[in-house]
PDB file of all heavy atoms in Angstrom:
ATOM      1  N   TRP A   1     255.495 219.781 -19.167  1.00  0.00           N
ATOM      2  CA  TRP A   1     254.656 219.190 -18.128  1.00  0.00           C
ATOM      3  C   TRP A   1     253.394 218.581 -18.734  1.00  0.00           C
ATOM      4  O   TRP A   1     252.988 217.491 -18.354  1.00  0.00           O
ATOM      5  CB  TRP A   1     254.291 220.254 -17.081  1.00  0.00           C
ATOM      6  CG  TRP A   1     255.480 220.765 -16.339  1.00  0.00           C
ATOM      7  CD1 TRP A   1     256.060 220.220 -15.229  1.00  0.00           C
ATOM      8  CD2 TRP A   1     256.287 221.910 -16.679  1.00  0.00           C
ATOM      9  NE1 TRP A   1     257.147 220.949 -14.839  1.00  0.00           N
ATOM     10  CE2 TRP A   1     257.322 222.011 -15.701  1.00  0.00           C
ATOM     11  CE3 TRP A   1     256.213 222.870 -17.682  1.00  0.00           C
ATOM     12  CZ2 TRP A   1     258.279 223.015 -15.725  1.00  0.00           C
ATOM     13  CZ3 TRP A   1     257.179 223.874 -17.706  1.00  0.00           C
ATOM     14  CH2 TRP A   1     258.185 223.941 -16.733  1.00  0.00           C
ATOM     15  N   ALA A   2     252.820 219.266 -19.705  1.00  0.00           N
ATOM     16  CA  ALA A   2     251.640 218.738 -20.385  1.00  0.00           C
ATOM     17  C   ALA A   2     251.977 217.469 -21.146  1.00  0.00           C
ATOM     18  O   ALA A   2     251.192 216.515 -21.179  1.00  0.00           O
ATOM     19  CB  ALA A   2     251.065 219.794 -21.331  1.00  0.00           C
ATOM     20  N   LEU A   3     253.145 217.432 -21.780  1.00  0.00           N
ATOM     21  CA  LEU A   3     253.550 216.246 -22.532  1.00  0.00           C
ATOM     22  C   LEU A   3     253.738 215.041 -21.622  1.00  0.00           C
ATOM     23  O   LEU A   3     253.242 213.945 -21.923  1.00  0.00           O
ATOM     24  CB  LEU A   3     254.840 216.513 -23.302  1.00  0.00           C
ATOM     25  CG  LEU A   3     255.365 215.300 -24.089  1.00  0.00           C
ATOM     26  CD1 LEU A   3     254.394 214.910 -25.193  1.00  0.00           C
ATOM     27  CD2 LEU A   3     256.749 215.568 -24.657  1.00  0.00           C
ATOM     28  N   ILE A   4     254.443 215.224 -20.528  1.00  0.00           N
ATOM     29  CA  ILE A   4     254.676 214.106 -19.613  1.00  0.00           C
ATOM     30  C   ILE A   4     253.358 213.596 -19.038  1.00  0.00           C
ATOM     31  O   ILE A   4     253.159 212.388 -18.869  1.00  0.00           O
ATOM     32  CB  ILE A   4     255.658 214.507 -18.488  1.00  0.00           C
ATOM     33  CG1 ILE A   4     257.042 214.789 -19.075  1.00  0.00           C
ATOM     34  CG2 ILE A   4     255.733 213.435 -17.414  1.00  0.00           C
ATOM     35  CD1 ILE A   4     257.656 213.638 -19.843  1.00  0.00           C
ATOM     36  N   ASP A   5     252.433 214.516 -18.760  1.00  0.00           N
ATOM     37  CA  ASP A   5     251.110 214.119 -18.277  1.00  0.00           C
ATOM     38  C   ASP A   5     250.375 213.297 -19.335  1.00  0.00           C
ATOM     39  O   ASP A   5     249.743 212.276 -19.024  1.00  0.00           O
ATOM     40  CB  ASP A   5     250.298 215.365 -17.912  1.00  0.00           C
ATOM     41  CG  ASP A   5     248.925 215.024 -17.333  1.00  0.00           C
ATOM     42  OD1 ASP A   5     248.876 214.318 -16.308  1.00  0.00           O
ATOM     43  OD2 ASP A   5     247.915 215.463 -17.918  1.00  0.00           O
ATOM     44  N   GLU A   6     250.468 213.725 -20.600  1.00  0.00           N
ATOM     45  CA  GLU A   6     249.825 213.005 -21.701  1.00  0.00           C
ATOM     46  C   GLU A   6     250.441 211.618 -21.880  1.00  0.00           C
ATOM     47  O   GLU A   6     249.721 210.631 -22.084  1.00  0.00           O
ATOM     48  CB  GLU A   6     249.970 213.816 -22.996  1.00  0.00           C
ATOM     49  CG  GLU A   6     249.090 213.348 -24.138  1.00  0.00           C
ATOM     50  CD  GLU A   6     249.102 214.324 -25.309  1.00  0.00           C
ATOM     51  OE1 GLU A   6     249.132 215.546 -25.071  1.00  0.00           O
ATOM     52  OE2 GLU A   6     249.080 213.857 -26.465  1.00  0.00           O
ATOM     53  N   ILE A   7     251.757 211.537 -21.793  1.00  0.00           N
ATOM     54  CA  ILE A   7     252.444 210.254 -21.898  1.00  0.00           C
ATOM     55  C   ILE A   7     252.015 209.318 -20.774  1.00  0.00           C
ATOM     56  O   ILE A   7     251.750 208.128 -20.989  1.00  0.00           O
ATOM     57  CB  ILE A   7     253.974 210.456 -21.887  1.00  0.00           C
ATOM     58  CG1 ILE A   7     254.424 211.114 -23.187  1.00  0.00           C
ATOM     59  CG2 ILE A   7     254.698 209.127 -21.667  1.00  0.00           C
ATOM     60  CD1 ILE A   7     255.896 211.520 -23.193  1.00  0.00           C
ATOM     61  N   SER A   8     251.925 209.858 -19.564  1.00  0.00           N
ATOM     62  CA  SER A   8     251.537 209.057 -18.403  1.00  0.00           C
ATOM     63  C   SER A   8     250.134 208.466 -18.569  1.00  0.00           C
ATOM     64  O   SER A   8     249.901 207.288 -18.275  1.00  0.00           O
ATOM     65  CB  SER A   8     251.612 209.916 -17.136  1.00  0.00           C
ATOM     66  OG  SER A   8     251.184 209.199 -16.007  1.00  0.00           O
ATOM     67  N   LYS A   9     249.215 209.292 -19.073  1.00  0.00           N
ATOM     68  CA  LYS A   9     247.835 208.828 -19.273  1.00  0.00           C
ATOM     69  C   LYS A   9     247.782 207.705 -20.299  1.00  0.00           C
ATOM     70  O   LYS A   9     247.061 206.718 -20.124  1.00  0.00           O
ATOM     71  CB  LYS A   9     246.948 209.992 -19.698  1.00  0.00           C
ATOM     72  CG  LYS A   9     246.644 210.975 -18.576  1.00  0.00           C
ATOM     73  CD  LYS A   9     245.808 212.148 -19.067  1.00  0.00           C
ATOM     74  CE  LYS A   9     245.516 213.122 -17.930  1.00  0.00           C
ATOM     75  NZ  LYS A   9     244.769 214.328 -18.410  1.00  0.00           N
ATOM     76  N   LEU A  10     248.531 207.847 -21.388  1.00  0.00           N
ATOM     77  CA  LEU A  10     248.536 206.810 -22.412  1.00  0.00           C
ATOM     78  C   LEU A  10     249.217 205.536 -21.909  1.00  0.00           C
ATOM     79  O   LEU A  10     248.785 204.422 -22.228  1.00  0.00           O
ATOM     80  CB  LEU A  10     249.215 207.313 -23.684  1.00  0.00           C
ATOM     81  CG  LEU A  10     248.409 208.317 -24.522  1.00  0.00           C
ATOM     82  CD1 LEU A  10     249.183 208.707 -25.776  1.00  0.00           C
ATOM     83  CD2 LEU A  10     247.053 207.752 -24.924  1.00  0.00           C
ATOM     84  N   ASN A  11     250.298 205.690 -21.135  1.00  0.00           N
ATOM     85  CA  ASN A  11     250.944 204.516 -20.549  1.00  0.00           C
ATOM     86  C   ASN A  11     249.967 203.722 -19.694  1.00  0.00           C
ATOM     87  O   ASN A  11     249.952 202.486 -19.719  1.00  0.00           O
ATOM     88  CB  ASN A  11     252.145 204.933 -19.705  1.00  0.00           C
ATOM     89  CG  ASN A  11     253.368 205.305 -20.542  1.00  0.00           C
ATOM     90  OD1 ASN A  11     253.480 204.932 -21.705  1.00  0.00           O
ATOM     91  ND2 ASN A  11     254.293 206.034 -19.953  1.00  0.00           N
ATOM     92  N   ASN A  12     249.131 204.434 -18.948  1.00  0.00           N
ATOM     93  CA  ASN A  12     248.131 203.783 -18.095  1.00  0.00           C
ATOM     94  C   ASN A  12     247.064 203.053 -18.914  1.00  0.00           C
ATOM     95  O   ASN A  12     246.385 202.167 -18.412  1.00  0.00           O
ATOM     96  CB  ASN A  12     247.473 204.806 -17.171  1.00  0.00           C
ATOM     97  CG  ASN A  12     248.420 205.337 -16.111  1.00  0.00           C
ATOM     98  OD1 ASN A  12     249.397 204.669 -15.744  1.00  0.00           O
ATOM     99  ND2 ASN A  12     248.148 206.532 -15.603  1.00  0.00           N
ATOM    100  N   GLU A  13     246.913 203.477 -20.174  1.00  0.00           N
ATOM    101  CA  GLU A  13     245.942 202.838 -21.059  1.00  0.00           C
ATOM    102  C   GLU A  13     246.577 201.779 -21.960  1.00  0.00           C
ATOM    103  O   GLU A  13     245.963 201.296 -22.896  1.00  0.00           O
ATOM    104  CB  GLU A  13     245.242 203.891 -21.913  1.00  0.00           C
ATOM    105  CG  GLU A  13     244.371 204.839 -21.079  1.00  0.00           C
ATOM    106  CD  GLU A  13     243.722 205.925 -21.919  1.00  0.00           C
ATOM    107  OE1 GLU A  13     243.669 205.775 -23.131  1.00  0.00           O
ATOM    108  OE2 GLU A  13     243.261 206.927 -21.363  1.00  0.00           O
ATOM    109  N   GLY A  14     247.818 201.445 -21.654  1.00  0.00           N
ATOM    110  CA  GLY A  14     248.488 200.380 -22.394  1.00  0.00           C
ATOM    111  C   GLY A  14     249.242 200.822 -23.626  1.00  0.00           C
ATOM    112  O   GLY A  14     249.770 199.985 -24.370  1.00  0.00           O
ATOM    113  N   ILE A  15     249.328 202.136 -23.867  1.00  0.00           N
ATOM    114  CA  ILE A  15     250.101 202.668 -24.997  1.00  0.00           C
ATOM    115  C   ILE A  15     251.467 203.070 -24.472  1.00  0.00           C
ATOM    116  O   ILE A  15     251.616 204.104 -23.813  1.00  0.00           O
ATOM    117  CB  ILE A  15     249.397 203.879 -25.662  1.00  0.00           C
ATOM    118  CG1 ILE A  15     247.948 203.553 -26.014  1.00  0.00           C
ATOM    119  CG2 ILE A  15     250.184 204.337 -26.886  1.00  0.00           C
ATOM    120  CD1 ILE A  15     247.760 202.498 -27.040  1.00  0.00           C
ATOM    121  N   LEU A  16     252.477 202.252 -24.723  1.00  0.00           N
ATOM    122  CA  LEU A  16     253.800 202.493 -24.166  1.00  0.00           C
ATOM    123  C   LEU A  16     254.586 203.462 -25.044  1.00  0.00           C
ATOM    124  O   LEU A  16     254.667 203.297 -26.259  1.00  0.00           O
ATOM    125  CB  LEU A  16     254.553 201.169 -24.015  1.00  0.00           C
ATOM    126  CG  LEU A  16     253.905 200.145 -23.068  1.00  0.00           C
ATOM    127  CD1 LEU A  16     254.744 198.894 -22.972  1.00  0.00           C
ATOM    128  CD2 LEU A  16     253.657 200.750 -21.678  1.00  0.00           C
ATOM    129  N   ILE A  17     255.170 204.468 -24.426  1.00  0.00           N
ATOM    130  CA  ILE A  17     255.913 205.510 -25.133  1.00  0.00           C
ATOM    131  C   ILE A  17     257.312 205.594 -24.546  1.00  0.00           C
ATOM    132  O   ILE A  17     257.490 205.716 -23.327  1.00  0.00           O
ATOM    133  CB  ILE A  17     255.181 206.863 -25.018  1.00  0.00           C
ATOM    134  CG1 ILE A  17     253.791 206.742 -25.661  1.00  0.00           C
ATOM    135  CG2 ILE A  17     255.982 207.982 -25.688  1.00  0.00           C
ATOM    136  CD1 ILE A  17     252.854 207.840 -25.289  1.00  0.00           C
ATOM    137  N   ASN A  18     258.312 205.516 -25.404  1.00  0.00           N
ATOM    138  CA  ASN A  18     259.696 205.586 -24.965  1.00  0.00           C
ATOM    139  C   ASN A  18     260.525 206.268 -26.047  1.00  0.00           C
ATOM    140  O   ASN A  18     259.992 206.756 -27.043  1.00  0.00           O
ATOM    141  CB  ASN A  18     260.244 204.177 -24.663  1.00  0.00           C
ATOM    142  CG  ASN A  18     259.994 203.213 -25.832  1.00  0.00           C
ATOM    143  OD1 ASN A  18     260.288 203.545 -26.981  1.00  0.00           O
ATOM    144  ND2 ASN A  18     259.445 202.033 -25.533  1.00  0.00           N
ATOM    145  N   ASN A  19     261.847 206.308 -25.847  1.00  0.00           N
ATOM    146  CA  ASN A  19     262.708 207.008 -26.804  1.00  0.00           C
ATOM    147  C   ASN A  19     262.989 206.184 -28.062  1.00  0.00           C
ATOM    148  O   ASN A  19     263.843 206.557 -28.866  1.00  0.00           O
ATOM    149  CB  ASN A  19     264.020 207.453 -26.149  1.00  0.00           C
ATOM    150  CG  ASN A  19     264.817 206.290 -25.581  1.00  0.00           C
ATOM    151  OD1 ASN A  19     264.430 205.118 -25.669  1.00  0.00           O
ATOM    152  ND2 ASN A  19     265.971 206.608 -24.989  1.00  0.00           N
ATOM    153  N   GLN A  20     262.250 205.113 -28.233  1.00  0.00           N
ATOM    154  CA  GLN A  20     262.325 204.345 -29.472  1.00  0.00           C
ATOM    155  C   GLN A  20     261.144 204.625 -30.395  1.00  0.00           C
ATOM    156  O   GLN A  20     261.198 204.314 -31.594  1.00  0.00           O
ATOM    157  CB  GLN A  20     262.375 202.839 -29.166  1.00  0.00           C
ATOM    158  CG  GLN A  20     263.599 202.414 -28.364  1.00  0.00           C
ATOM    159  CD  GLN A  20     264.900 202.766 -29.046  1.00  0.00           C
ATOM    160  OE1 GLN A  20     265.143 202.375 -30.194  1.00  0.00           O
ATOM    161  NE2 GLN A  20     265.744 203.533 -28.353  1.00  0.00           N
ATOM    162  N   ASN A  21     260.068 205.217 -29.848  1.00  0.00           N
ATOM    163  CA  ASN A  21     258.931 205.571 -30.708  1.00  0.00           C
ATOM    164  C   ASN A  21     258.548 207.039 -30.626  1.00  0.00           C
ATOM    165  O   ASN A  21     257.620 207.468 -31.309  1.00  0.00           O
ATOM    166  CB  ASN A  21     257.721 204.669 -30.437  1.00  0.00           C
ATOM    167  CG  ASN A  21     257.180 204.788 -29.016  1.00  0.00           C
ATOM    168  OD1 ASN A  21     257.665 205.562 -28.190  1.00  0.00           O
ATOM    169  ND2 ASN A  21     256.154 204.001 -28.720  1.00  0.00           N
ATOM    170  N   LEU A  22     259.257 207.822 -29.798  1.00  0.00           N
ATOM    171  CA  LEU A  22     259.004 209.260 -29.725  1.00  0.00           C
ATOM    172  C   LEU A  22     260.327 210.017 -29.741  1.00  0.00           C
ATOM    173  O   LEU A  22     261.229 209.746 -28.948  1.00  0.00           O
ATOM    174  CB  LEU A  22     258.226 209.620 -28.456  1.00  0.00           C
ATOM    175  CG  LEU A  22     257.942 211.132 -28.266  1.00  0.00           C
ATOM    176  CD1 LEU A  22     257.037 211.665 -29.364  1.00  0.00           C
ATOM    177  CD2 LEU A  22     257.320 211.400 -26.896  1.00  0.00           C
ATOM    178  N   TYR A  23     260.415 211.001 -30.651  1.00  0.00           N
ATOM    179  CA  TYR A  23     261.592 211.835 -30.794  1.00  0.00           C
ATOM    180  C   TYR A  23     261.132 213.299 -30.814  1.00  0.00           C
ATOM    181  O   TYR A  23     260.188 213.648 -31.521  1.00  0.00           O
ATOM    182  CB  TYR A  23     262.352 211.520 -32.086  1.00  0.00           C
ATOM    183  CG  TYR A  23     262.758 210.066 -32.216  1.00  0.00           C
ATOM    184  CD1 TYR A  23     261.842 209.104 -32.648  1.00  0.00           C
ATOM    185  CD2 TYR A  23     264.042 209.658 -31.899  1.00  0.00           C
ATOM    186  CE1 TYR A  23     262.205 207.770 -32.760  1.00  0.00           C
ATOM    187  CE2 TYR A  23     264.420 208.322 -32.013  1.00  0.00           C
ATOM    188  CZ  TYR A  23     263.496 207.388 -32.444  1.00  0.00           C
ATOM    189  OH  TYR A  23     263.856 206.068 -32.553  1.00  0.00           O
ATOM    190  N   ILE A  24     261.815 214.135 -30.046  1.00  0.00           N
ATOM    191  CA  ILE A  24     261.460 215.546 -29.963  1.00  0.00           C
ATOM    192  C   ILE A  24     262.647 216.383 -30.426  1.00  0.00           C
ATOM    193  O   ILE A  24     263.791 216.132 -30.017  1.00  0.00           O
ATOM    194  CB  ILE A  24     261.068 215.949 -28.530  1.00  0.00           C
ATOM    195  CG1 ILE A  24     259.911 215.084 -28.025  1.00  0.00           C
ATOM    196  CG2 ILE A  24     260.672 217.420 -28.474  1.00  0.00           C
ATOM    197  CD1 ILE A  24     259.563 215.317 -26.565  1.00  0.00           C
ATOM    198  N   ALA A  25     262.383 217.371 -31.263  1.00  0.00           N
ATOM    199  CA  ALA A  25     263.454 218.232 -31.765  1.00  0.00           C
ATOM    200  C   ALA A  25     264.206 218.883 -30.610  1.00  0.00           C
ATOM    201  O   ALA A  25     263.595 219.511 -29.740  1.00  0.00           O
ATOM    202  CB  ALA A  25     262.879 219.303 -32.694  1.00  0.00           C
ATOM    203  N   GLU A  26     265.516 218.724 -30.606  1.00  0.00           N
ATOM    204  CA  GLU A  26     266.310 219.273 -29.509  1.00  0.00           C
ATOM    205  C   GLU A  26     266.287 220.801 -29.490  1.00  0.00           C
ATOM    206  O   GLU A  26     266.539 221.417 -28.452  1.00  0.00           O
ATOM    207  CB  GLU A  26     267.747 218.766 -29.604  1.00  0.00           C
ATOM    208  CG  GLU A  26     268.454 219.106 -30.903  1.00  0.00           C
ATOM    209  CD  GLU A  26     269.772 218.373 -31.065  1.00  0.00           C
ATOM    210  OE1 GLU A  26     270.165 217.641 -30.137  1.00  0.00           O
ATOM    211  OE2 GLU A  26     270.413 218.505 -32.134  1.00  0.00           O
ATOM    212  N   ASN A  27     265.939 221.418 -30.637  1.00  0.00           N
ATOM    213  CA  ASN A  27     265.867 222.877 -30.720  1.00  0.00           C
ATOM    214  C   ASN A  27     264.439 223.397 -30.573  1.00  0.00           C
ATOM    215  O   ASN A  27     264.175 224.559 -30.890  1.00  0.00           O
ATOM    216  CB  ASN A  27     266.480 223.376 -32.032  1.00  0.00           C
ATOM    217  CG  ASN A  27     265.826 222.774 -33.272  1.00  0.00           C
ATOM    218  OD1 ASN A  27     265.335 221.655 -33.243  1.00  0.00           O
ATOM    219  ND2 ASN A  27     265.832 223.527 -34.370  1.00  0.00           N
ATOM    220  N   ILE A  28     263.530 222.575 -30.086  1.00  0.00           N
ATOM    221  CA  ILE A  28     262.147 223.001 -29.864  1.00  0.00           C
ATOM    222  C   ILE A  28     262.112 224.015 -28.720  1.00  0.00           C
ATOM    223  O   ILE A  28     262.863 223.909 -27.749  1.00  0.00           O
ATOM    224  CB  ILE A  28     261.249 221.788 -29.559  1.00  0.00           C
ATOM    225  CG1 ILE A  28     259.785 222.099 -29.803  1.00  0.00           C
ATOM    226  CG2 ILE A  28     261.448 221.275 -28.127  1.00  0.00           C
ATOM    227  CD1 ILE A  28     258.875 220.865 -29.761  1.00  0.00           C
ATOM    228  N   CYS A  29     261.236 225.026 -28.831  1.00  0.00           N
ATOM    229  CA  CYS A  29     261.098 226.043 -27.790  1.00  0.00           C
ATOM    230  C   CYS A  29     260.036 225.620 -26.781  1.00  0.00           C
ATOM    231  O   CYS A  29     259.010 225.046 -27.138  1.00  0.00           O
ATOM    232  CB  CYS A  29     260.742 227.396 -28.412  1.00  0.00           C
ATOM    233  SG  CYS A  29     262.078 228.069 -29.455  1.00  0.00           S
ATOM    234  N   LEU A  30     260.303 225.946 -25.513  1.00  0.00           N
ATOM    235  CA  LEU A  30     259.452 225.474 -24.426  1.00  0.00           C
ATOM    236  C   LEU A  30     258.410 226.514 -24.008  1.00  0.00           C
ATOM    237  O   LEU A  30     258.674 227.721 -24.031  1.00  0.00           O
ATOM    238  CB  LEU A  30     260.304 225.109 -23.210  1.00  0.00           C
ATOM    239  CG  LEU A  30     261.390 224.045 -23.422  1.00  0.00           C
ATOM    240  CD1 LEU A  30     262.118 223.778 -22.102  1.00  0.00           C
ATOM    241  CD2 LEU A  30     260.811 222.759 -24.000  1.00  0.00           C
ATOM    242  N   ILE A  31     257.250 226.005 -23.622  1.00  0.00           N
ATOM    243  CA  ILE A  31     256.235 226.816 -22.955  1.00  0.00           C
ATOM    244  C   ILE A  31     256.478 226.697 -21.455  1.00  0.00           C
ATOM    245  O   ILE A  31     256.502 225.598 -20.899  1.00  0.00           O
ATOM    246  CB  ILE A  31     254.817 226.330 -23.294  1.00  0.00           C
ATOM    247  CG1 ILE A  31     254.551 226.445 -24.793  1.00  0.00           C
ATOM    248  CG2 ILE A  31     253.780 227.133 -22.517  1.00  0.00           C
ATOM    249  CD1 ILE A  31     253.225 225.812 -25.220  1.00  0.00           C
ATOM    250  N   LEU A  32     256.647 227.831 -20.792  1.00  0.00           N
ATOM    251  CA  LEU A  32     256.913 227.872 -19.363  1.00  0.00           C
ATOM    252  C   LEU A  32     255.728 228.473 -18.616  1.00  0.00           C
ATOM    253  O   LEU A  32     254.859 229.100 -19.235  1.00  0.00           O
ATOM    254  CB  LEU A  32     258.182 228.695 -19.100  1.00  0.00           C
ATOM    255  CG  LEU A  32     259.441 228.232 -19.850  1.00  0.00           C
ATOM    256  CD1 LEU A  32     260.602 229.167 -19.546  1.00  0.00           C
ATOM    257  CD2 LEU A  32     259.782 226.794 -19.496  1.00  0.00           C
ATOM    258  N   PRO A  33     255.675 228.322 -17.296  1.00  0.00           N
ATOM    259  CA  PRO A  33     254.561 228.902 -16.534  1.00  0.00           C
ATOM    260  C   PRO A  33     254.353 230.387 -16.802  1.00  0.00           C
ATOM    261  O   PRO A  33     253.218 230.873 -16.805  1.00  0.00           O
ATOM    262  CB  PRO A  33     254.970 228.639 -15.081  1.00  0.00           C
ATOM    263  CG  PRO A  33     255.808 227.400 -15.148  1.00  0.00           C
ATOM    264  CD  PRO A  33     256.559 227.495 -16.439  1.00  0.00           C
ATOM    265  N   ILE A  34     255.430 231.126 -17.035  1.00  0.00           N
ATOM    266  CA  ILE A  34     255.317 232.561 -17.286  1.00  0.00           C
ATOM    267  C   ILE A  34     254.501 232.849 -18.544  1.00  0.00           C
ATOM    268  O   ILE A  34     253.798 233.860 -18.628  1.00  0.00           O
ATOM    269  CB  ILE A  34     256.720 233.214 -17.380  1.00  0.00           C
ATOM    270  CG1 ILE A  34     256.602 234.743 -17.291  1.00  0.00           C
ATOM    271  CG2 ILE A  34     257.439 232.796 -18.686  1.00  0.00           C
ATOM    272  CD1 ILE A  34     257.971 235.422 -17.118  1.00  0.00           C
ATOM    273  N   HIS A  35     254.554 231.960 -19.522  1.00  0.00           N
ATOM    274  CA  HIS A  35     253.829 232.180 -20.768  1.00  0.00           C
ATOM    275  C   HIS A  35     252.315 232.098 -20.575  1.00  0.00           C
ATOM    276  O   HIS A  35     251.554 232.819 -21.229  1.00  0.00           O
ATOM    277  CB  HIS A  35     254.276 231.169 -21.824  1.00  0.00           C
ATOM    278  CG  HIS A  35     255.698 231.368 -22.253  1.00  0.00           C
ATOM    279  ND1 HIS A  35     256.632 230.352 -22.231  1.00  0.00           N
ATOM    280  CD2 HIS A  35     256.351 232.479 -22.698  1.00  0.00           C
ATOM    281  CE1 HIS A  35     257.797 230.821 -22.648  1.00  0.00           C
ATOM    282  NE2 HIS A  35     257.654 232.106 -22.932  1.00  0.00           N
ATOM    283  N   LYS A  36     251.884 231.235 -19.687  1.00  0.00           N
ATOM    284  CA  LYS A  36     250.454 231.129 -19.409  1.00  0.00           C
ATOM    285  C   LYS A  36     249.937 232.386 -18.714  1.00  0.00           C
ATOM    286  O   LYS A  36     248.817 232.839 -18.982  1.00  0.00           O
ATOM    287  CB  LYS A  36     250.179 229.886 -18.558  1.00  0.00           C
ATOM    288  CG  LYS A  36     250.548 228.579 -19.263  1.00  0.00           C
ATOM    289  CD  LYS A  36     250.353 227.384 -18.356  1.00  0.00           C
ATOM    290  CE  LYS A  36     250.838 226.109 -19.042  1.00  0.00           C
ATOM    291  NZ  LYS A  36     250.679 224.920 -18.172  1.00  0.00           N
ATOM    292  N   ILE A  37     250.757 232.943 -17.845  1.00  0.00           N
ATOM    293  CA  ILE A  37     250.383 234.184 -17.163  1.00  0.00           C
ATOM    294  C   ILE A  37     250.326 235.338 -18.159  1.00  0.00           C
ATOM    295  O   ILE A  37     249.391 236.148 -18.148  1.00  0.00           O
ATOM    296  CB  ILE A  37     251.365 234.487 -16.017  1.00  0.00           C
ATOM    297  CG1 ILE A  37     251.284 233.392 -14.947  1.00  0.00           C
ATOM    298  CG2 ILE A  37     251.068 235.856 -15.404  1.00  0.00           C
ATOM    299  CD1 ILE A  37     252.327 233.515 -13.859  1.00  0.00           C
ATOM    300  N   ILE A  38     251.309 235.408 -19.045  1.00  0.00           N
ATOM    301  CA  ILE A  38     251.315 236.450 -20.070  1.00  0.00           C
ATOM    302  C   ILE A  38     250.117 236.301 -21.001  1.00  0.00           C
ATOM    303  O   ILE A  38     249.513 237.287 -21.434  1.00  0.00           O
ATOM    304  CB  ILE A  38     252.632 236.424 -20.868  1.00  0.00           C
ATOM    305  CG1 ILE A  38     253.821 236.783 -19.980  1.00  0.00           C
ATOM    306  CG2 ILE A  38     252.566 237.363 -22.066  1.00  0.00           C
ATOM    307  CD1 ILE A  38     253.779 238.178 -19.411  1.00  0.00           C
ATOM    308  N   ASP A  39     249.734 235.071 -21.303  1.00  0.00           N
ATOM    309  CA  ASP A  39     248.549 234.801 -22.120  1.00  0.00           C
ATOM    310  C   ASP A  39     247.307 235.423 -21.469  1.00  0.00           C
ATOM    311  O   ASP A  39     246.486 236.074 -22.134  1.00  0.00           O
ATOM    312  CB  ASP A  39     248.361 233.294 -22.265  1.00  0.00           C
ATOM    313  CG  ASP A  39     247.867 232.887 -23.657  1.00  0.00           C
ATOM    314  OD1 ASP A  39     247.528 233.785 -24.461  1.00  0.00           O
ATOM    315  OD2 ASP A  39     247.857 231.678 -23.948  1.00  0.00           O
ATOM    316  N   GLU A  40     247.182 235.216 -20.168  1.00  0.00           N
ATOM    317  CA  GLU A  40     246.060 235.776 -19.407  1.00  0.00           C
ATOM    318  C   GLU A  40     246.085 237.305 -19.430  1.00  0.00           C
ATOM    319  O   GLU A  40     245.053 237.956 -19.647  1.00  0.00           O
ATOM    320  CB  GLU A  40     246.125 235.260 -17.971  1.00  0.00           C
ATOM    321  CG  GLU A  40     245.005 235.750 -17.074  1.00  0.00           C
ATOM    322  CD  GLU A  40     245.196 235.314 -15.628  1.00  0.00           C
ATOM    323  OE1 GLU A  40     246.045 234.426 -15.368  1.00  0.00           O
ATOM    324  OE2 GLU A  40     244.514 235.894 -14.737  1.00  0.00           O
ATOM    325  N   VAL A  41     247.264 237.869 -19.231  1.00  0.00           N
ATOM    326  CA  VAL A  41     247.422 239.321 -19.237  1.00  0.00           C
ATOM    327  C   VAL A  41     247.058 239.900 -20.605  1.00  0.00           C
ATOM    328  O   VAL A  41     246.383 240.925 -20.705  1.00  0.00           O
ATOM    329  CB  VAL A  41     248.872 239.710 -18.845  1.00  0.00           C
ATOM    330  CG1 VAL A  41     249.145 241.182 -19.155  1.00  0.00           C
ATOM    331  CG2 VAL A  41     249.115 239.422 -17.366  1.00  0.00           C
ATOM    332  N   ASN A  42     247.492 239.236 -21.656  1.00  0.00           N
ATOM    333  CA  ASN A  42     247.180 239.697 -23.007  1.00  0.00           C
ATOM    334  C   ASN A  42     245.676 239.768 -23.253  1.00  0.00           C
ATOM    335  O   ASN A  42     245.174 240.735 -23.834  1.00  0.00           O
ATOM    336  CB  ASN A  42     247.813 238.770 -24.046  1.00  0.00           C
ATOM    337  CG  ASN A  42     249.320 238.931 -24.145  1.00  0.00           C
ATOM    338  OD1 ASN A  42     249.881 239.916 -23.677  1.00  0.00           O
ATOM    339  ND2 ASN A  42     249.985 237.956 -24.751  1.00  0.00           N
ATOM    340  N   GLU A  43     244.958 238.760 -22.815  1.00  0.00           N
ATOM    341  CA  GLU A  43     243.512 238.742 -23.006  1.00  0.00           C
ATOM    342  C   GLU A  43     242.825 239.826 -22.180  1.00  0.00           C
ATOM    343  O   GLU A  43     241.860 240.439 -22.628  1.00  0.00           O
ATOM    344  CB  GLU A  43     242.933 237.364 -22.654  1.00  0.00           C
ATOM    345  CG  GLU A  43     243.221 236.295 -23.698  1.00  0.00           C
ATOM    346  CD  GLU A  43     242.407 236.481 -24.986  1.00  0.00           C
ATOM    347  OE1 GLU A  43     242.815 237.352 -25.798  1.00  0.00           O
ATOM    348  OE2 GLU A  43     241.420 235.787 -25.196  1.00  0.00           O
TER     349      GLU A  43
END
């Protein structure tokens, strides 16, 4: 969600991002809403 938001902001500023200039590892691990809650609990 953070990535798509970042892409959207840059697109609005004239920096076009697509699957020809951005590649993401298919085995990358995701941050989910539960992780942010656990982060808070840990602190």
